[in-house]
Structures are given as C-alpha cells and as structure tokens.
Amino acid sequence: MANNTKTLVVPQARAALEQMKYEVAQELGIQLPQDGYYGNMTTRDMGSIGGSITRRLIQMAEQQLSGRK
C-alpha cells in the first residue's frame, strides 16, 4: 500500500522549502497569494515553481555529492 503522507525526512527543512518557494516564484515573476490559499493559482504557474524547486534541489544534491568524492 502506498504511503501518501507528505512528511519531511528532516522536519526543520520545511522553513527552507517555504523560503525557496517564495524565491523561485519571485524569480519567475509569479505572485503568490499572501493568505496562503493557492486555489486560484494556475496549474502552469504552480508547476513552474515546483519544477524549478526540484531542479534546484537536485543541483544542490549533485554539488554535495561531487564534493564528497
């Protein structure tokens, strides 16, 4: 059975991920709602933000791994 919970492996990372979300949105020129309700956001905008965050996280992991070789 699949585990569909969105628990973070490192709970302290939540604040860093939230900060990254706002940074990426600003870089892409996407205005995030101040009230935290994303229901009015387009799927395209949210996908752009999520994709950029994923690319950044992969890049960070690759840099860390290459430094350990």
PDB file of N, CA and C in Angstrom:
ATOM      1  N   MET A   1       0.847  -1.175   0.000  1.00  0.00           N
ATOM      2  CA  MET A   1       0.000   0.000   0.000  1.00  0.00           C
ATOM      3  C   MET A   1       0.891   1.236   0.000  1.00  0.00           C
ATOM      4  N   ALA A   2       0.567   2.220  -0.813  1.00  0.00           N
ATOM      5  CA  ALA A   2       1.371   3.436  -0.933  1.00  0.00           C
ATOM      6  C   ALA A   2       1.156   4.343   0.277  1.00  0.00           C
ATOM      7  N   ASN A   3       2.235   4.986   0.670  1.00  0.00           N
ATOM      8  CA  ASN A   3       2.168   5.936   1.773  1.00  0.00           C
ATOM      9  C   ASN A   3       2.022   7.332   1.177  1.00  0.00           C
ATOM     10  N   ASN A   4       0.859   7.949   1.307  1.00  0.00           N
ATOM     11  CA  ASN A   4       0.575   9.229   0.678  1.00  0.00           C
ATOM     12  C   ASN A   4       0.773  10.424   1.602  1.00  0.00           C
ATOM     13  N   THR A   5       1.420  10.229   2.730  1.00  0.00           N
ATOM     14  CA  THR A   5       1.628  11.357   3.627  1.00  0.00           C
ATOM     15  C   THR A   5       2.792  12.192   3.135  1.00  0.00           C
ATOM     16  N   LYS A   6       2.724  13.482   3.385  1.00  0.00           N
ATOM     17  CA  LYS A   6       3.768  14.401   2.943  1.00  0.00           C
ATOM     18  C   LYS A   6       4.647  14.796   4.128  1.00  0.00           C
ATOM     19  N   THR A   7       5.210  13.818   4.782  1.00  0.00           N
ATOM     20  CA  THR A   7       6.090  14.100   5.904  1.00  0.00           C
ATOM     21  C   THR A   7       7.506  14.287   5.393  1.00  0.00           C
ATOM     22  N   LEU A   8       8.175  15.263   5.935  1.00  0.00           N
ATOM     23  CA  LEU A   8       9.549  15.530   5.553  1.00  0.00           C
ATOM     24  C   LEU A   8      10.486  14.640   6.345  1.00  0.00           C
ATOM     25  N   VAL A   9      11.548  14.190   5.694  1.00  0.00           N
ATOM     26  CA  VAL A   9      12.548  13.383   6.374  1.00  0.00           C
ATOM     27  C   VAL A   9      13.238  14.229   7.437  1.00  0.00           C
ATOM     28  N   VAL A  10      13.478  15.499   7.101  1.00  0.00           N
ATOM     29  CA  VAL A  10      14.083  16.436   8.038  1.00  0.00           C
ATOM     30  C   VAL A  10      13.054  17.552   8.278  1.00  0.00           C
ATOM     31  N   PRO A  11      12.297  17.479   9.374  1.00  0.00           N
ATOM     32  CA  PRO A  11      11.228  18.459   9.611  1.00  0.00           C
ATOM     33  C   PRO A  11      11.703  19.913   9.621  1.00  0.00           C
ATOM     34  N   GLN A  12      12.948  20.152   9.988  1.00  0.00           N
ATOM     35  CA  GLN A  12      13.470  21.512  10.013  1.00  0.00           C
ATOM     36  C   GLN A  12      13.606  22.092   8.605  1.00  0.00           C
ATOM     37  N   ALA A  13      13.513  21.262   7.597  1.00  0.00           N
ATOM     38  CA  ALA A  13      13.655  21.712   6.216  1.00  0.00           C
ATOM     39  C   ALA A  13      12.415  22.453   5.718  1.00  0.00           C
ATOM     40  N   ARG A  14      11.318  22.337   6.419  1.00  0.00           N
ATOM     41  CA  ARG A  14      10.066  22.972   5.971  1.00  0.00           C
ATOM     42  C   ARG A  14      10.238  24.469   5.749  1.00  0.00           C
ATOM     43  N   ALA A  15      10.875  25.163   6.666  1.00  0.00           N
ATOM     44  CA  ALA A  15      11.065  26.615   6.533  1.00  0.00           C
ATOM     45  C   ALA A  15      11.941  26.932   5.329  1.00  0.00           C
ATOM     46  N   ALA A  16      12.980  26.142   5.110  1.00  0.00           N
ATOM     47  CA  ALA A  16      13.871  26.372   3.970  1.00  0.00           C
ATOM     48  C   ALA A  16      13.128  26.150   2.652  1.00  0.00           C
ATOM     49  N   LEU A  17      12.267  25.136   2.602  1.00  0.00           N
ATOM     50  CA  LEU A  17      11.497  24.876   1.393  1.00  0.00           C
ATOM     51  C   LEU A  17      10.483  25.990   1.135  1.00  0.00           C
ATOM     52  N   GLU A  18       9.867  26.481   2.189  1.00  0.00           N
ATOM     53  CA  GLU A  18       8.929  27.605   2.040  1.00  0.00           C
ATOM     54  C   GLU A  18       9.655  28.840   1.506  1.00  0.00           C
ATOM     55  N   GLN A  19      10.826  29.121   2.048  1.00  0.00           N
ATOM     56  CA  GLN A  19      11.615  30.265   1.595  1.00  0.00           C
ATOM     57  C   GLN A  19      12.000  30.092   0.125  1.00  0.00           C
ATOM     58  N   MET A  20      12.401  28.875  -0.238  1.00  0.00           N
ATOM     59  CA  MET A  20      12.782  28.595  -1.620  1.00  0.00           C
ATOM     60  C   MET A  20      11.596  28.796  -2.555  1.00  0.00           C
ATOM     61  N   LYS A  21      10.391  28.413  -2.107  1.00  0.00           N
ATOM     62  CA  LYS A  21       9.195  28.585  -2.924  1.00  0.00           C
ATOM     63  C   LYS A  21       8.969  30.059  -3.251  1.00  0.00           C
ATOM     64  N   TYR A  22       9.126  30.920  -2.257  1.00  0.00           N
ATOM     65  CA  TYR A  22       8.928  32.350  -2.485  1.00  0.00           C
ATOM     66  C   TYR A  22      10.030  32.939  -3.354  1.00  0.00           C
ATOM     67  N   GLU A  23      11.263  32.485  -3.175  1.00  0.00           N
ATOM     68  CA  GLU A  23      12.371  32.963  -4.003  1.00  0.00           C
ATOM     69  C   GLU A  23      12.172  32.584  -5.464  1.00  0.00           C
ATOM     70  N   VAL A  24      11.807  31.331  -5.699  1.00  0.00           N
ATOM     71  CA  VAL A  24      11.598  30.854  -7.067  1.00  0.00           C
ATOM     72  C   VAL A  24      10.435  31.596  -7.715  1.00  0.00           C
ATOM     73  N   ALA A  25       9.343  31.760  -6.990  1.00  0.00           N
ATOM     74  CA  ALA A  25       8.185  32.471  -7.535  1.00  0.00           C
ATOM     75  C   ALA A  25       8.569  33.900  -7.921  1.00  0.00           C
ATOM     76  N   GLN A  26       9.355  34.553  -7.085  1.00  0.00           N
ATOM     77  CA  GLN A  26       9.783  35.920  -7.381  1.00  0.00           C
ATOM     78  C   GLN A  26      10.659  35.944  -8.635  1.00  0.00           C
ATOM     79  N   GLU A  27      11.581  34.988  -8.747  1.00  0.00           N
ATOM     80  CA  GLU A  27      12.442  34.915  -9.926  1.00  0.00           C
ATOM     81  C   GLU A  27      11.635  34.695 -11.200  1.00  0.00           C
ATOM     82  N   LEU A  28      10.564  33.903 -11.103  1.00  0.00           N
ATOM     83  CA  LEU A  28       9.728  33.613 -12.260  1.00  0.00           C
ATOM     84  C   LEU A  28       8.681  34.704 -12.510  1.00  0.00           C
ATOM     85  N   GLY A  29       8.574  35.658 -11.614  1.00  0.00           N
ATOM     86  CA  GLY A  29       7.602  36.733 -11.768  1.00  0.00           C
ATOM     87  C   GLY A  29       6.184  36.303 -11.443  1.00  0.00           C
ATOM     88  N   ILE A  30       6.054  35.315 -10.574  1.00  0.00           N
ATOM     89  CA  ILE A  30       4.746  34.800 -10.173  1.00  0.00           C
ATOM     90  C   ILE A  30       4.428  35.323  -8.777  1.00  0.00           C
ATOM     91  N   GLN A  31       3.265  35.943  -8.642  1.00  0.00           N
ATOM     92  CA  GLN A  31       2.841  36.487  -7.354  1.00  0.00           C
ATOM     93  C   GLN A  31       2.107  35.416  -6.567  1.00  0.00           C
ATOM     94  N   LEU A  32       2.645  35.036  -5.410  1.00  0.00           N
ATOM     95  CA  LEU A  32       1.977  34.064  -4.546  1.00  0.00           C
ATOM     96  C   LEU A  32       0.994  34.796  -3.644  1.00  0.00           C
ATOM     97  N   PRO A  33      -0.153  34.173  -3.363  1.00  0.00           N
ATOM     98  CA  PRO A  33      -1.149  34.821  -2.503  1.00  0.00           C
ATOM     99  C   PRO A  33      -0.646  34.955  -1.064  1.00  0.00           C
ATOM    100  N   GLN A  34      -0.902  36.086  -0.459  1.00  0.00           N
ATOM    101  CA  GLN A  34      -0.459  36.349   0.908  1.00  0.00           C
ATOM    102  C   GLN A  34      -1.232  35.535   1.933  1.00  0.00           C
ATOM    103  N   ASP A  35      -2.468  35.150   1.594  1.00  0.00           N
ATOM    104  CA  ASP A  35      -3.290  34.414   2.556  1.00  0.00           C
ATOM    105  C   ASP A  35      -2.977  32.917   2.588  1.00  0.00           C
ATOM    106  N   GLY A  36      -2.096  32.450   1.684  1.00  0.00           N
ATOM    107  CA  GLY A  36      -1.715  31.044   1.684  1.00  0.00           C
ATOM    108  C   GLY A  36      -2.661  30.129   0.932  1.00  0.00           C
ATOM    109  N   TYR A  37      -3.722  30.691   0.339  1.00  0.00           N
ATOM    110  CA  TYR A  37      -4.671  29.877  -0.433  1.00  0.00           C
ATOM    111  C   TYR A  37      -4.227  29.859  -1.889  1.00  0.00           C
ATOM    112  N   TYR A  38      -3.863  28.674  -2.369  1.00  0.00           N
ATOM    113  CA  TYR A  38      -3.341  28.548  -3.728  1.00  0.00           C
ATOM    114  C   TYR A  38      -4.394  28.066  -4.719  1.00  0.00           C
ATOM    115  N   GLY A  39      -5.645  28.025  -4.332  1.00  0.00           N
ATOM    116  CA  GLY A  39      -6.715  27.528  -5.187  1.00  0.00           C
ATOM    117  C   GLY A  39      -6.946  28.353  -6.428  1.00  0.00           C
ATOM    118  N   ASN A  40      -6.553  29.605  -6.400  1.00  0.00           N
ATOM    119  CA  ASN A  40      -6.745  30.470  -7.564  1.00  0.00           C
ATOM    120  C   ASN A  40      -5.513  30.539  -8.458  1.00  0.00           C
ATOM    121  N   MET A  41      -4.484  29.808  -8.101  1.00  0.00           N
ATOM    122  CA  MET A  41      -3.261  29.805  -8.905  1.00  0.00           C
ATOM    123  C   MET A  41      -3.436  28.848 -10.085  1.00  0.00           C
ATOM    124  N   THR A  42      -2.793  29.175 -11.207  1.00  0.00           N
ATOM    125  CA  THR A  42      -2.893  28.285 -12.357  1.00  0.00           C
ATOM    126  C   THR A  42      -1.976  27.082 -12.158  1.00  0.00           C
ATOM    127  N   THR A  43      -2.367  25.990 -12.763  1.00  0.00           N
ATOM    128  CA  THR A  43      -1.562  24.771 -12.692  1.00  0.00           C
ATOM    129  C   THR A  43      -0.206  25.009 -13.325  1.00  0.00           C
ATOM    130  N   ARG A  44      -0.176  25.774 -14.394  1.00  0.00           N
ATOM    131  CA  ARG A  44       1.073  26.077 -15.086  1.00  0.00           C
ATOM    132  C   ARG A  44       2.045  26.817 -14.159  1.00  0.00           C
ATOM    133  N   ASP A  45       1.552  27.828 -13.443  1.00  0.00           N
ATOM    134  CA  ASP A  45       2.408  28.589 -12.526  1.00  0.00           C
ATOM    135  C   ASP A  45       2.926  27.713 -11.394  1.00  0.00           C
ATOM    136  N   MET A  46       2.041  26.929 -10.798  1.00  0.00           N
ATOM    137  CA  MET A  46       2.458  26.074  -9.687  1.00  0.00           C
ATOM    138  C   MET A  46       3.439  25.006 -10.165  1.00  0.00           C
ATOM    139  N   GLY A  47       3.224  24.485 -11.372  1.00  0.00           N
ATOM    140  CA  GLY A  47       4.144  23.511 -11.937  1.00  0.00           C
ATOM    141  C   GLY A  47       5.503  24.108 -12.217  1.00  0.00           C
ATOM    142  N   SER A  48       5.517  25.360 -12.657  1.00  0.00           N
ATOM    143  CA  SER A  48       6.788  26.051 -12.905  1.00  0.00           C
ATOM    144  C   SER A  48       7.569  26.229 -11.612  1.00  0.00           C
ATOM    145  N   ILE A  49       6.870  26.602 -10.563  1.00  0.00           N
ATOM    146  CA  ILE A  49       7.518  26.780  -9.261  1.00  0.00           C
ATOM    147  C   ILE A  49       8.047  25.436  -8.754  1.00  0.00           C
ATOM    148  N   GLY A  50       7.215  24.416  -8.792  1.00  0.00           N
ATOM    149  CA  GLY A  50       7.625  23.089  -8.314  1.00  0.00           C
ATOM    150  C   GLY A  50       8.773  22.513  -9.115  1.00  0.00           C
ATOM    151  N   GLY A  51       8.734  22.687 -10.425  1.00  0.00           N
ATOM    152  CA  GLY A  51       9.810  22.189 -11.273  1.00  0.00           C
ATOM    153  C   GLY A  51      11.122  22.891 -10.997  1.00  0.00           C
ATOM    154  N   SER A  52      11.058  24.202 -10.801  1.00  0.00           N
ATOM    155  CA  SER A  52      12.271  24.966 -10.507  1.00  0.00           C
ATOM    156  C   SER A  52      12.855  24.576  -9.150  1.00  0.00           C
ATOM    157  N   ILE A  53      11.994  24.353  -8.179  1.00  0.00           N
ATOM    158  CA  ILE A  53      12.461  23.916  -6.859  1.00  0.00           C
ATOM    159  C   ILE A  53      13.135  22.552  -6.984  1.00  0.00           C
ATOM    160  N   THR A  54      12.524  21.650  -7.731  1.00  0.00           N
ATOM    161  CA  THR A  54      13.096  20.320  -7.906  1.00  0.00           C
ATOM    162  C   THR A  54      14.465  20.397  -8.576  1.00  0.00           C
ATOM    163  N   ARG A  55      14.574  21.204  -9.636  1.00  0.00           N
ATOM    164  CA  ARG A  55      15.866  21.374 -10.309  1.00  0.00           C
ATOM    165  C   ARG A  55      16.915  21.918  -9.345  1.00  0.00           C
ATOM    166  N   ARG A  56      16.525  22.873  -8.535  1.00  0.00           N
ATOM    167  CA  ARG A  56      17.460  23.462  -7.568  1.00  0.00           C
ATOM    168  C   ARG A  56      17.916  22.447  -6.529  1.00  0.00           C
ATOM    169  N   LEU A  57      16.976  21.655  -6.019  1.00  0.00           N
ATOM    170  CA  LEU A  57      17.316  20.647  -5.020  1.00  0.00           C
ATOM    171  C   LEU A  57      18.238  19.575  -5.602  1.00  0.00           C
ATOM    172  N   ILE A  58      17.987  19.179  -6.836  1.00  0.00           N
ATOM    173  CA  ILE A  58      18.851  18.192  -7.489  1.00  0.00           C
ATOM    174  C   ILE A  58      20.245  18.776  -7.689  1.00  0.00           C
ATOM    175  N   GLN A  59      20.297  20.024  -8.114  1.00  0.00           N
ATOM    176  CA  GLN A  59      21.594  20.682  -8.312  1.00  0.00           C
ATOM    177  C   GLN A  59      22.368  20.761  -6.992  1.00  0.00           C
ATOM    178  N   MET A  60      21.679  21.094  -5.917  1.00  0.00           N
ATOM    179  CA  MET A  60      22.327  21.167  -4.604  1.00  0.00           C
ATOM    180  C   MET A  60      22.851  19.796  -4.186  1.00  0.00           C
ATOM    181  N   ALA A  61      22.060  18.749  -4.408  1.00  0.00           N
ATOM    182  CA  ALA A  61      22.476  17.392  -4.047  1.00  0.00           C
ATOM    183  C   ALA A  61      23.677  16.951  -4.879  1.00  0.00           C
ATOM    184  N   GLU A  62      23.657  17.267  -6.162  1.00  0.00           N
ATOM    185  CA  GLU A  62      24.788  16.910  -7.025  1.00  0.00           C
ATOM    186  C   GLU A  62      26.067  17.603  -6.576  1.00  0.00           C
ATOM    187  N   GLN A  63      25.954  18.862  -6.186  1.00  0.00           N
ATOM    188  CA  GLN A  63      27.129  19.605  -5.712  1.00  0.00           C
ATOM    189  C   GLN A  63      27.674  18.979  -4.427  1.00  0.00           C
ATOM    190  N   GLN A  64      26.775  18.598  -3.526  1.00  0.00           N
ATOM    191  CA  GLN A  64      27.220  17.971  -2.290  1.00  0.00           C
ATOM    192  C   GLN A  64      27.882  16.627  -2.551  1.00  0.00           C
ATOM    193  N   LEU A  65      27.293  15.849  -3.458  1.00  0.00           N
ATOM    194  CA  LEU A  65      27.869  14.535  -3.766  1.00  0.00           C
ATOM    195  C   LEU A  65      29.209  14.649  -4.474  1.00  0.00           C
ATOM    196  N   SER A  66      29.335  15.597  -5.353  1.00  0.00           N
ATOM    197  CA  SER A  66      30.602  15.752  -6.079  1.00  0.00           C
ATOM    198  C   SER A  66      31.704  16.235  -5.143  1.00  0.00           C
ATOM    199  N   GLY A  67      31.350  16.939  -4.107  1.00  0.00           N
ATOM    200  CA  GLY A  67      32.314  17.409  -3.122  1.00  0.00           C
ATOM    201  C   GLY A  67      32.814  16.299  -2.217  1.00  0.00           C
ATOM    202  N   ARG A  68      32.078  15.199  -2.134  1.00  0.00           N
ATOM    203  CA  ARG A  68      32.438  14.088  -1.242  1.00  0.00           C
ATOM    204  C   ARG A  68      33.290  13.037  -1.925  1.00  0.00           C
ATOM    205  N   LYS A  69      33.440  13.110  -3.245  1.00  0.00           N
ATOM    206  CA  LYS A  69      34.198  12.081  -3.981  1.00  0.00           C
ATOM    207  C   LYS A  69      35.655  12.123  -3.692  1.00  0.00           C
TER     208      LYS A  69
END
